[in-house]
Amino acid sequence: ILQGTASVVLAGLVAALKLVGGTLAEHTYLFLGAGEAGTGIAELIALEMSRQTKTPIDECRKKIWLVDSKGLIVSTRKESLQHFKKPWAHEHEHVGNLLDAVNAIKPTVLIGTSGKGQTFTQEVVEAISSFNEMPIILALSNPTSQAECTAEQAYTWSKGRAVFATGSPFDPVEYNGKTHVPGQANNAYIFPGFGLGVVMSGAIRVHDDMLLAASEALAQQVTQENFDKGLIYPPFSNIRKISAHIAANVAARAYELGLASRRPRPKDLVKYAESCMYSPIYRNYR
């Protein structure tokens, strides 16, 4: 499940870069929440960065910072950290809270996986908006009451400039006469297509590159019309088309990696994916 979440979040970031500009490696990431969800997402971002830049993953991790209940995760804390936090302990002086971390690290992307509501305060959103033309803010904690901030808060406090997505559904927000539609980073975008891609190719095991392939396919489904509304995810109503493209991309990666046991490889993977899908249409016998 965590990898599904990470894959969806990575897809949102890849899509958001089309709005904001720059590559994954040119951005700086700050997470609030360093549990297994936060570190799992961070690891997949670092993996894709490493794949794009051909740089060792240790180098890529240095672009990603995490804040837990004791403040910024830094190297002086290494001894006392749980094993999954250790790779994220970078050289920096102690910073005690999120607002100070935002001001010290100056992230371009702020990601909430803390499970605690209202932690992206007005000061935090205003701070990240002060040094970013379009800050990327992902408030991923569920349910809605636990979201780090609401859509309305994100757009109001950033003066309508935030590229915003959440883990819970929020209604569109009007700010200064423009309607902003928050995307929802929902696992359901990835799982059906990912599972189909694995089955279709007869993959003998799941490789991280297949998760990256799913993210890339999802990001490619975001249209200009979606971007114009500030959306970094395609509308859920197109889930069958989205899933077919994800399945095809995942299967293609499995064939490239030599992990596919289903031979010969189908000529048109998207068409093949569509043909494998269950259609809930029944003949009428009356």
Protein backbone atom coordinates (compact mmCIF):
# COMPACT_ATOMS: atom_id res chain seq x y z
CA ILE A 1 0.00 0.00 0.00
CA LEU A 2 2.79 2.41 0.92
CA GLN A 3 4.42 1.90 -2.46
CA GLY A 4 1.10 2.59 -4.18
CA THR A 5 0.81 5.86 -2.27
CA ALA A 6 4.40 6.75 -3.09
CA SER A 7 3.79 6.03 -6.76
CA VAL A 8 0.73 8.31 -6.84
CA VAL A 9 2.57 11.11 -5.02
CA LEU A 10 5.54 10.84 -7.39
CA ALA A 11 3.14 11.05 -10.36
CA GLY A 12 1.65 14.24 -8.92
CA LEU A 13 5.11 15.76 -8.52
CA VAL A 14 6.16 14.82 -12.07
CA ALA A 15 2.95 16.42 -13.37
CA ALA A 16 3.36 19.49 -11.13
CA LEU A 17 6.78 20.16 -12.66
CA LYS A 18 5.01 20.91 -15.95
CA LEU A 19 3.33 23.81 -14.14
CA VAL A 20 6.26 24.91 -12.00
CA GLY A 21 9.24 24.05 -14.21
CA GLY A 22 12.53 22.35 -13.41
CA THR A 23 13.39 18.67 -13.02
CA LEU A 24 12.83 16.52 -9.93
CA ALA A 25 16.49 16.95 -8.99
CA GLU A 26 16.31 20.75 -9.18
CA HIS A 27 13.70 20.92 -6.43
CA THR A 28 14.09 20.72 -2.65
CA TYR A 29 11.62 18.65 -0.65
CA LEU A 30 10.54 18.99 2.96
CA PHE A 31 8.33 16.37 4.61
CA LEU A 32 6.36 16.81 7.79
CA GLY A 33 6.07 13.29 9.17
CA ALA A 34 8.91 10.77 8.99
CA GLY A 35 7.02 7.54 9.53
CA GLU A 36 7.02 4.73 7.01
CA ALA A 37 4.65 6.59 4.70
CA GLY A 38 6.83 9.71 4.56
CA THR A 39 10.11 7.82 4.18
CA GLY A 40 8.54 5.48 1.59
CA ILE A 41 7.45 8.40 -0.58
CA ALA A 42 10.81 10.13 -0.10
CA GLU A 43 12.65 6.97 -1.21
CA LEU A 44 10.64 6.65 -4.43
CA ILE A 45 11.27 10.33 -5.28
CA ALA A 46 15.01 9.77 -4.69
CA LEU A 47 14.92 6.63 -6.86
CA GLU A 48 13.32 8.42 -9.80
CA MET A 49 15.73 11.35 -9.37
CA SER A 50 18.62 8.89 -9.41
CA ARG A 51 17.24 7.21 -12.55
CA GLN A 52 16.81 10.55 -14.36
CA THR A 53 20.20 12.02 -13.44
CA LYS A 54 22.28 8.80 -13.27
CA THR A 55 23.47 10.01 -9.84
CA PRO A 56 23.90 7.65 -6.84
CA ILE A 57 20.78 7.49 -4.68
CA ASP A 58 22.70 8.75 -1.59
CA GLU A 59 23.34 12.02 -3.42
CA CYS A 60 19.69 12.30 -4.45
CA ARG A 61 18.49 11.80 -0.87
CA LYS A 62 20.27 15.02 0.11
CA LYS A 63 17.61 17.04 -1.73
CA ILE A 64 14.96 15.63 0.62
CA TRP A 65 14.53 16.69 4.26
CA LEU A 66 12.19 15.32 6.90
CA VAL A 67 10.75 16.80 10.07
CA ASP A 68 9.45 14.52 12.83
CA SER A 69 8.07 15.31 16.29
CA LYS A 70 11.55 16.36 17.51
CA GLY A 71 12.27 18.68 14.58
CA LEU A 72 14.44 18.40 11.48
CA ILE A 73 16.15 15.02 11.04
CA VAL A 74 19.87 15.89 11.07
CA SER A 75 23.06 13.87 11.36
CA THR A 76 23.69 14.74 15.02
CA ARG A 77 20.49 12.78 15.83
CA LYS A 78 21.58 9.67 13.92
CA GLU A 79 22.25 7.45 16.95
CA SER A 80 18.74 7.78 18.33
CA LEU A 81 16.83 7.43 15.03
CA GLN A 82 14.73 4.47 13.89
CA HIS A 83 16.38 2.58 11.01
CA PHE A 84 14.04 3.93 8.31
CA LYS A 85 14.87 7.55 9.26
CA LYS A 86 18.66 7.16 9.20
CA PRO A 87 19.19 7.68 5.43
CA TRP A 88 17.50 11.10 5.77
CA ALA A 89 19.77 12.50 8.49
CA HIS A 90 21.75 15.22 6.68
CA GLU A 91 24.35 17.72 7.89
CA HIS A 92 22.55 20.73 9.40
CA GLU A 93 22.23 22.39 12.76
CA HIS A 94 19.30 21.42 14.98
CA VAL A 95 15.96 22.94 13.91
CA GLY A 96 13.09 22.41 16.31
CA ASN A 97 9.88 22.89 14.31
CA LEU A 98 8.33 22.97 10.85
CA LEU A 99 8.21 26.75 10.42
CA ASP A 100 11.92 27.12 11.27
CA ALA A 101 12.71 24.18 8.97
CA VAL A 102 10.84 25.82 6.07
CA ASN A 103 12.80 29.03 6.61
CA ALA A 104 16.13 27.17 6.96
CA ILE A 105 15.79 24.67 4.08
CA LYS A 106 13.72 26.90 1.76
CA PRO A 107 11.94 23.96 0.12
CA THR A 108 10.07 24.26 -3.18
CA VAL A 109 7.89 21.27 -2.26
CA LEU A 110 6.18 20.71 1.11
CA ILE A 111 4.67 17.27 1.76
CA GLY A 112 2.54 16.34 4.78
CA THR A 113 2.46 12.71 5.96
CA SER A 114 2.12 13.46 9.66
CA GLY A 115 -1.43 12.28 10.34
CA LYS A 116 -1.96 15.52 12.27
CA GLY A 117 -4.48 18.11 11.10
CA GLN A 118 -3.83 21.84 10.74
CA THR A 119 -0.03 21.53 10.94
CA PHE A 120 0.54 23.55 7.74
CA THR A 121 -0.29 26.79 9.52
CA GLN A 122 -0.79 30.18 7.93
CA GLU A 123 2.82 31.11 8.87
CA VAL A 124 4.17 27.95 7.20
CA VAL A 125 2.20 28.45 3.96
CA GLU A 126 3.07 32.16 3.85
CA ALA A 127 6.75 31.36 4.44
CA ILE A 128 7.02 28.83 1.58
CA SER A 129 5.04 31.20 -0.66
CA SER A 130 7.44 34.04 0.11
CA PHE A 131 10.35 32.39 -1.72
CA ASN A 132 8.46 30.35 -4.34
CA GLU A 133 6.46 31.73 -7.22
CA MET A 134 4.38 28.49 -7.19
CA PRO A 135 4.98 26.39 -4.07
CA ILE A 136 3.97 22.72 -4.38
CA ILE A 137 2.01 21.78 -1.26
CA LEU A 138 0.75 18.22 -0.73
CA ALA A 139 -1.36 17.70 2.41
CA LEU A 140 -1.64 13.92 2.28
CA SER A 141 -2.95 12.87 5.69
CA ASN A 142 -6.38 11.22 5.90
CA PRO A 143 -9.24 11.59 6.75
CA THR A 144 -10.21 15.16 5.84
CA SER A 145 -10.12 16.27 9.49
CA GLN A 146 -6.43 15.22 9.67
CA ALA A 147 -5.34 17.06 6.50
CA GLU A 148 -2.36 19.32 7.21
CA CYS A 149 -4.40 22.21 5.79
CA THR A 150 -7.61 22.60 3.78
CA ALA A 151 -7.71 23.53 0.10
CA GLU A 152 -9.20 26.90 1.00
CA GLN A 153 -6.37 27.64 3.44
CA ALA A 154 -3.67 26.62 0.95
CA TYR A 155 -5.04 28.80 -1.85
CA THR A 156 -5.91 31.76 0.40
CA TRP A 157 -2.64 31.87 2.31
CA SER A 158 -0.55 31.43 -0.86
CA LYS A 159 -2.64 34.10 -2.62
CA GLY A 160 -3.80 31.56 -5.17
CA ARG A 161 -0.27 30.50 -6.17
CA ALA A 162 0.04 27.07 -4.55
CA VAL A 163 -0.02 23.91 -6.62
CA PHE A 164 -2.01 21.87 -4.16
CA ALA A 165 -3.15 18.26 -3.77
CA THR A 166 -4.44 16.28 -0.83
CA GLY A 167 -5.05 12.77 0.40
CA SER A 168 -8.73 13.57 1.07
CA PRO A 169 -11.39 15.02 -1.23
CA PHE A 170 -11.86 18.81 -1.16
CA ASP A 171 -14.23 20.94 -3.21
CA PRO A 172 -12.89 23.46 -5.74
CA VAL A 173 -11.99 26.85 -4.25
CA GLU A 174 -12.58 30.22 -5.82
CA TYR A 175 -9.88 32.77 -5.11
CA ASN A 176 -9.73 36.19 -6.78
CA GLY A 177 -12.18 35.13 -9.46
CA LYS A 178 -10.23 31.98 -10.45
CA THR A 179 -11.41 28.47 -9.63
CA HIS A 180 -8.72 26.16 -8.25
CA VAL A 181 -9.38 22.41 -8.25
CA PRO A 182 -7.33 20.43 -5.71
CA GLY A 183 -6.14 17.03 -6.95
CA GLN A 184 -6.49 13.96 -4.77
CA ALA A 185 -3.45 11.68 -4.44
CA ASN A 186 -5.49 8.50 -4.26
CA ASN A 187 -4.03 4.97 -4.39
CA ALA A 188 -6.94 3.92 -6.57
CA TYR A 189 -5.25 5.70 -9.49
CA ILE A 190 -2.36 3.24 -9.43
CA PHE A 191 -3.50 -0.12 -8.11
CA PRO A 192 -5.89 -1.39 -10.83
CA GLY A 193 -3.50 -0.49 -13.66
CA PHE A 194 -0.42 -1.65 -11.78
CA GLY A 195 -1.98 -5.02 -10.95
CA LEU A 196 -3.15 -5.46 -14.53
CA GLY A 197 0.34 -4.65 -15.87
CA VAL A 198 1.88 -7.30 -13.59
CA VAL A 199 -0.69 -9.96 -14.57
CA MET A 200 -0.60 -9.07 -18.27
CA SER A 201 3.17 -9.47 -18.52
CA GLY A 202 3.27 -12.44 -16.15
CA ALA A 203 5.93 -10.57 -14.17
CA ILE A 204 7.80 -12.95 -11.87
CA ARG A 205 8.48 -10.19 -9.35
CA VAL A 206 7.79 -6.50 -8.82
CA HIS A 207 10.74 -4.18 -9.37
CA ASP A 208 10.85 -0.55 -8.19
CA ASP A 209 11.23 0.51 -11.82
CA MET A 210 7.73 -0.81 -12.43
CA LEU A 211 6.38 1.57 -9.76
CA LEU A 212 8.26 4.41 -11.45
CA ALA A 213 6.73 3.35 -14.79
CA ALA A 214 3.26 3.56 -13.21
CA SER A 215 3.99 7.07 -11.91
CA GLU A 216 5.23 8.27 -15.28
CA ALA A 217 2.14 6.87 -17.05
CA LEU A 218 -0.21 8.54 -14.56
CA ALA A 219 1.56 11.90 -14.89
CA GLN A 220 1.25 11.68 -18.69
CA GLN A 221 -2.54 11.45 -18.40
CA VAL A 222 -2.83 15.01 -17.04
CA THR A 223 -4.07 17.28 -19.85
CA GLN A 224 -3.56 20.99 -20.44
CA GLU A 225 -7.20 21.51 -19.49
CA ASN A 226 -6.49 19.84 -16.11
CA PHE A 227 -3.37 21.99 -15.60
CA ASP A 228 -5.36 25.17 -16.34
CA LYS A 229 -7.47 24.40 -13.26
CA GLY A 230 -4.36 23.71 -11.20
CA LEU A 231 -4.95 19.94 -11.23
CA ILE A 232 -1.93 17.63 -11.12
CA TYR A 233 -4.05 14.46 -11.40
CA PRO A 234 -6.42 13.50 -14.23
CA PRO A 235 -10.15 13.33 -13.38
CA PHE A 236 -11.12 10.06 -11.77
CA SER A 237 -13.96 9.57 -14.25
CA ASN A 238 -11.31 8.48 -16.82
CA ILE A 239 -9.97 5.73 -14.57
CA ARG A 240 -10.34 2.93 -17.15
CA LYS A 241 -8.33 4.80 -19.78
CA ILE A 242 -5.77 5.85 -17.16
CA SER A 243 -5.47 2.26 -15.89
CA ALA A 244 -4.94 0.88 -19.42
CA HIS A 245 -2.02 3.28 -19.95
CA ILE A 246 -0.52 2.48 -16.54
CA ALA A 247 -0.86 -1.27 -17.19
CA ALA A 248 0.80 -0.94 -20.59
CA ASN A 249 3.70 1.08 -19.16
CA VAL A 250 4.20 -1.30 -16.22
CA ALA A 251 4.10 -4.33 -18.54
CA ALA A 252 6.54 -2.67 -20.98
CA ARG A 253 8.98 -2.06 -18.10
CA ALA A 254 8.61 -5.69 -16.97
CA TYR A 255 9.50 -6.87 -20.51
CA GLU A 256 12.49 -4.47 -20.63
CA LEU A 257 13.75 -5.75 -17.28
CA GLY A 258 13.44 -9.38 -18.40
CA LEU A 259 10.89 -10.08 -15.65
CA ALA A 260 7.95 -10.91 -17.94
CA SER A 261 7.06 -14.59 -18.40
CA ARG A 262 4.15 -14.04 -20.80
CA ARG A 263 5.52 -14.59 -24.33
CA PRO A 264 5.36 -13.39 -27.01
CA ARG A 265 5.01 -9.78 -25.96
CA PRO A 266 1.67 -8.33 -27.24
CA LYS A 267 2.21 -5.84 -30.09
CA ASP A 268 -0.04 -3.09 -28.70
CA LEU A 269 0.10 -3.18 -24.91
CA VAL A 270 -2.57 -0.48 -24.40
CA LYS A 271 -5.07 -2.34 -26.61
CA TYR A 272 -4.18 -5.61 -24.90
CA ALA A 273 -4.72 -4.01 -21.47
CA GLU A 274 -8.15 -2.76 -22.56
CA SER A 275 -9.06 -6.24 -23.83
CA CYS A 276 -8.14 -7.76 -20.44
CA MET A 277 -10.40 -5.43 -18.50
CA TYR A 278 -13.64 -6.65 -17.03
CA SER A 279 -16.68 -4.86 -18.49
CA PRO A 280 -19.70 -4.96 -16.21
CA ILE A 281 -22.21 -5.17 -19.09
CA TYR A 282 -24.71 -8.01 -19.13
CA ARG A 283 -26.94 -9.27 -21.90
CA ASN A 284 -30.60 -8.71 -21.41
CA TYR A 285 -32.48 -12.00 -21.51
CA ARG A 286 -35.97 -10.56 -21.12
